[in-house]
């Protein structure tokens, strides 16, 4: 009688995609205690973005202040982005040399001879 797992078979352990209970408890406790770091990042980004919007809507627009505020909004936005937007995975297109994915196309231009 064979022993062990068959290739690709999983036995035991935590199911994929289920968060660790310690992490769940830590996150729940932090959420109950008050504001989270992601909330601070998003609040800071929105604050600076609003300052930039107001500077651009002023008569005349204050472009220098708007640019400074937008630069200040970029840093927390960059830090918060991985928690909100998933990173896109890069894919490599592979093909069989015998059966290429892209075929070569040739276009030949010929001048038309006009009978005079």
C-alpha atoms as a PDB file:
ATOM      1  CA  UNK A   1       0.000   0.000   0.000  1.00  0.00           C
ATOM      2  CA  UNK A   2       1.622   3.350  -1.074  1.00  0.00           C
ATOM      3  CA  UNK A   3       2.140   6.024   1.530  1.00  0.00           C
ATOM      4  CA  UNK A   4       2.359   9.797   1.176  1.00  0.00           C
ATOM      5  CA  UNK A   5       0.598  12.351  -0.928  1.00  0.00           C
ATOM      6  CA  UNK A   6      -0.001  12.061  -4.617  1.00  0.00           C
ATOM      7  CA  UNK A   7       1.441  14.889  -6.750  1.00  0.00           C
ATOM      8  CA  UNK A   8      -0.710  17.996  -6.303  1.00  0.00           C
ATOM      9  CA  UNK A   9      -2.618  16.530  -3.349  1.00  0.00           C
ATOM     10  CA  UNK A  10      -2.781  18.530  -0.128  1.00  0.00           C
ATOM     11  CA  UNK A  11      -3.124  16.956   3.278  1.00  0.00           C
ATOM     12  CA  UNK A  12      -3.707  18.910   6.451  1.00  0.00           C
ATOM     13  CA  UNK A  13      -2.589  22.434   7.222  1.00  0.00           C
ATOM     14  CA  UNK A  14      -4.386  25.732   6.849  1.00  0.00           C
ATOM     15  CA  UNK A  15      -6.564  26.116   3.782  1.00  0.00           C
ATOM     16  CA  UNK A  16      -5.168  28.593   1.256  1.00  0.00           C
ATOM     17  CA  UNK A  17      -6.629  32.082   1.434  1.00  0.00           C
ATOM     18  CA  UNK A  18      -7.842  31.814   5.035  1.00  0.00           C
ATOM     19  CA  UNK A  19      -6.170  34.479   7.187  1.00  0.00           C
ATOM     20  CA  UNK A  20      -4.177  33.539  10.260  1.00  0.00           C
ATOM     21  CA  UNK A  21      -6.323  33.795  13.430  1.00  0.00           C
ATOM     22  CA  UNK A  22      -3.657  35.862  15.207  1.00  0.00           C
ATOM     23  CA  UNK A  23      -3.697  38.415  12.368  1.00  0.00           C
ATOM     24  CA  UNK A  24      -7.496  38.522  12.392  1.00  0.00           C
ATOM     25  CA  UNK A  25      -7.551  39.120  16.152  1.00  0.00           C
ATOM     26  CA  UNK A  26      -4.865  41.821  15.928  1.00  0.00           C
ATOM     27  CA  UNK A  27      -6.697  43.652  13.138  1.00  0.00           C
ATOM     28  CA  UNK A  28     -10.037  43.465  14.949  1.00  0.00           C
ATOM     29  CA  UNK A  29      -8.497  44.822  18.153  1.00  0.00           C
ATOM     30  CA  UNK A  30      -6.795  47.687  16.297  1.00  0.00           C
ATOM     31  CA  UNK A  31     -10.057  48.573  14.532  1.00  0.00           C
ATOM     32  CA  UNK A  32     -11.936  48.647  17.855  1.00  0.00           C
ATOM     33  CA  UNK A  33      -9.308  50.855  19.510  1.00  0.00           C
ATOM     34  CA  UNK A  34      -9.602  53.603  16.937  1.00  0.00           C
ATOM     35  CA  UNK A  35      -8.055  54.900  13.772  1.00  0.00           C
ATOM     36  CA  UNK A  36      -5.854  52.607  11.693  1.00  0.00           C
ATOM     37  CA  UNK A  37      -2.632  53.536   9.861  1.00  0.00           C
ATOM     38  CA  UNK A  38      -4.350  53.163   6.485  1.00  0.00           C
ATOM     39  CA  UNK A  39      -7.013  55.633   7.656  1.00  0.00           C
ATOM     40  CA  UNK A  40      -4.272  58.143   8.499  1.00  0.00           C
ATOM     41  CA  UNK A  41      -2.625  57.705   5.090  1.00  0.00           C
ATOM     42  CA  UNK A  42      -5.908  58.134   3.225  1.00  0.00           C
ATOM     43  CA  UNK A  43      -6.919  61.117   5.368  1.00  0.00           C
ATOM     44  CA  UNK A  44      -3.580  62.848   4.768  1.00  0.00           C
ATOM     45  CA  UNK A  45      -3.801  62.208   1.031  1.00  0.00           C
ATOM     46  CA  UNK A  46      -7.353  63.580   0.858  1.00  0.00           C
ATOM     47  CA  UNK A  47      -6.408  66.628   2.941  1.00  0.00           C
ATOM     48  CA  UNK A  48      -3.579  67.630   0.608  1.00  0.00           C
ATOM     49  CA  UNK A  49      -5.650  66.847  -2.470  1.00  0.00           C
ATOM     50  CA  UNK A  50      -8.423  69.150  -1.210  1.00  0.00           C
ATOM     51  CA  UNK A  51      -5.874  71.949  -0.626  1.00  0.00           C
ATOM     52  CA  UNK A  52      -4.671  71.517  -4.222  1.00  0.00           C
ATOM     53  CA  UNK A  53      -8.244  71.615  -5.533  1.00  0.00           C
ATOM     54  CA  UNK A  54      -8.979  74.825  -3.625  1.00  0.00           C
ATOM     55  CA  UNK A  55      -5.751  76.425  -4.870  1.00  0.00           C
ATOM     56  CA  UNK A  56      -6.685  75.608  -8.472  1.00  0.00           C
ATOM     57  CA  UNK A  57     -10.234  76.946  -8.077  1.00  0.00           C
ATOM     58  CA  UNK A  58      -9.043  80.262  -6.591  1.00  0.00           C
ATOM     59  CA  UNK A  59      -9.216  83.431  -8.690  1.00  0.00           C
ATOM     60  CA  UNK A  60      -6.453  83.568  -9.972  1.00  0.00           C
ATOM     61  CA  UNK A  61      -5.350  79.938  -9.522  1.00  0.00           C
ATOM     62  CA  UNK A  62      -2.357  79.457  -7.214  1.00  0.00           C
ATOM     63  CA  UNK A  63      -0.394  76.926  -9.249  1.00  0.00           C
ATOM     64  CA  UNK A  64       2.614  76.852  -6.916  1.00  0.00           C
ATOM     65  CA  UNK A  65       0.518  75.949  -3.866  1.00  0.00           C
ATOM     66  CA  UNK A  66      -1.473  73.415  -5.864  1.00  0.00           C
ATOM     67  CA  UNK A  67       1.689  71.701  -7.066  1.00  0.00           C
ATOM     68  CA  UNK A  68       3.133  71.564  -3.534  1.00  0.00           C
ATOM     69  CA  UNK A  69      -0.105  70.103  -2.194  1.00  0.00           C
ATOM     70  CA  UNK A  70      -0.279  67.499  -4.954  1.00  0.00           C
ATOM     71  CA  UNK A  71       3.313  66.449  -4.283  1.00  0.00           C
ATOM     72  CA  UNK A  72       2.455  66.143  -0.584  1.00  0.00           C
ATOM     73  CA  UNK A  73      -0.600  64.008  -1.484  1.00  0.00           C
ATOM     74  CA  UNK A  74       1.481  61.643  -3.615  1.00  0.00           C
ATOM     75  CA  UNK A  75       3.562  60.212  -0.748  1.00  0.00           C
ATOM     76  CA  UNK A  76       0.682  58.852   1.367  1.00  0.00           C
ATOM     77  CA  UNK A  77      -1.102  57.754  -1.814  1.00  0.00           C
ATOM     78  CA  UNK A  78       1.959  55.737  -2.818  1.00  0.00           C
ATOM     79  CA  UNK A  79       2.126  54.124   0.634  1.00  0.00           C
ATOM     80  CA  UNK A  80      -1.606  53.298   0.747  1.00  0.00           C
ATOM     81  CA  UNK A  81      -1.919  51.999  -2.828  1.00  0.00           C
ATOM     82  CA  UNK A  82      -0.733  48.396  -2.164  1.00  0.00           C
ATOM     83  CA  UNK A  83      -3.453  47.981   0.475  1.00  0.00           C
ATOM     84  CA  UNK A  84      -6.239  49.148  -1.840  1.00  0.00           C
ATOM     85  CA  UNK A  85      -5.237  48.241  -5.396  1.00  0.00           C
ATOM     86  CA  UNK A  86      -3.886  44.790  -6.274  1.00  0.00           C
ATOM     87  CA  UNK A  87      -0.582  44.654  -8.080  1.00  0.00           C
ATOM     88  CA  UNK A  88      -0.916  43.385 -11.625  1.00  0.00           C
ATOM     89  CA  UNK A  89       1.140  40.296 -12.361  1.00  0.00           C
ATOM     90  CA  UNK A  90       3.369  40.396 -15.386  1.00  0.00           C
ATOM     91  CA  UNK A  91       2.920  37.604 -17.874  1.00  0.00           C
ATOM     92  CA  UNK A  92       5.346  36.297 -20.405  1.00  0.00           C
ATOM     93  CA  UNK A  93       3.959  35.175 -23.722  1.00  0.00           C
ATOM     94  CA  UNK A  94       5.537  31.910 -24.772  1.00  0.00           C
ATOM     95  CA  UNK A  95       5.004  30.043 -27.951  1.00  0.00           C
ATOM     96  CA  UNK A  96       6.068  26.992 -29.852  1.00  0.00           C
ATOM     97  CA  UNK A  97       8.727  27.771 -32.499  1.00  0.00           C
ATOM     98  CA  UNK A  98       6.998  25.261 -34.786  1.00  0.00           C
ATOM     99  CA  UNK A  99       3.656  27.041 -34.398  1.00  0.00           C
ATOM    100  CA  UNK A 100       4.380  30.750 -33.841  1.00  0.00           C
ATOM    101  CA  UNK A 101       1.807  33.005 -32.262  1.00  0.00           C
ATOM    102  CA  UNK A 102       2.602  35.949 -34.539  1.00  0.00           C
ATOM    103  CA  UNK A 103       2.863  35.330 -38.250  1.00  0.00           C
ATOM    104  CA  UNK A 104       4.993  37.442 -40.546  1.00  0.00           C
ATOM    105  CA  UNK A 105       3.007  39.554 -42.939  1.00  0.00           C
ATOM    106  CA  UNK A 106       4.530  41.082 -46.035  1.00  0.00           C
ATOM    107  CA  UNK A 107       2.944  43.932 -47.918  1.00  0.00           C
ATOM    108  CA  UNK A 108       4.132  44.471 -51.466  1.00  0.00           C
ATOM    109  CA  UNK A 109       3.372  47.687 -53.299  1.00  0.00           C
ATOM    110  CA  UNK A 110       3.321  47.604 -57.076  1.00  0.00           C
ATOM    111  CA  UNK A 111       2.950  50.581 -59.292  1.00  0.00           C
ATOM    112  CA  UNK A 112       0.126  50.409 -61.765  1.00  0.00           C
ATOM    113  CA  UNK A 113       1.101  50.903 -65.360  1.00  0.00           C
ATOM    114  CA  UNK A 114      -1.200  53.176 -67.233  1.00  0.00           C
ATOM    115  CA  UNK A 115      -1.595  52.492 -70.959  1.00  0.00           C
ATOM    116  CA  UNK A 116      -1.213  55.678 -72.906  1.00  0.00           C
END
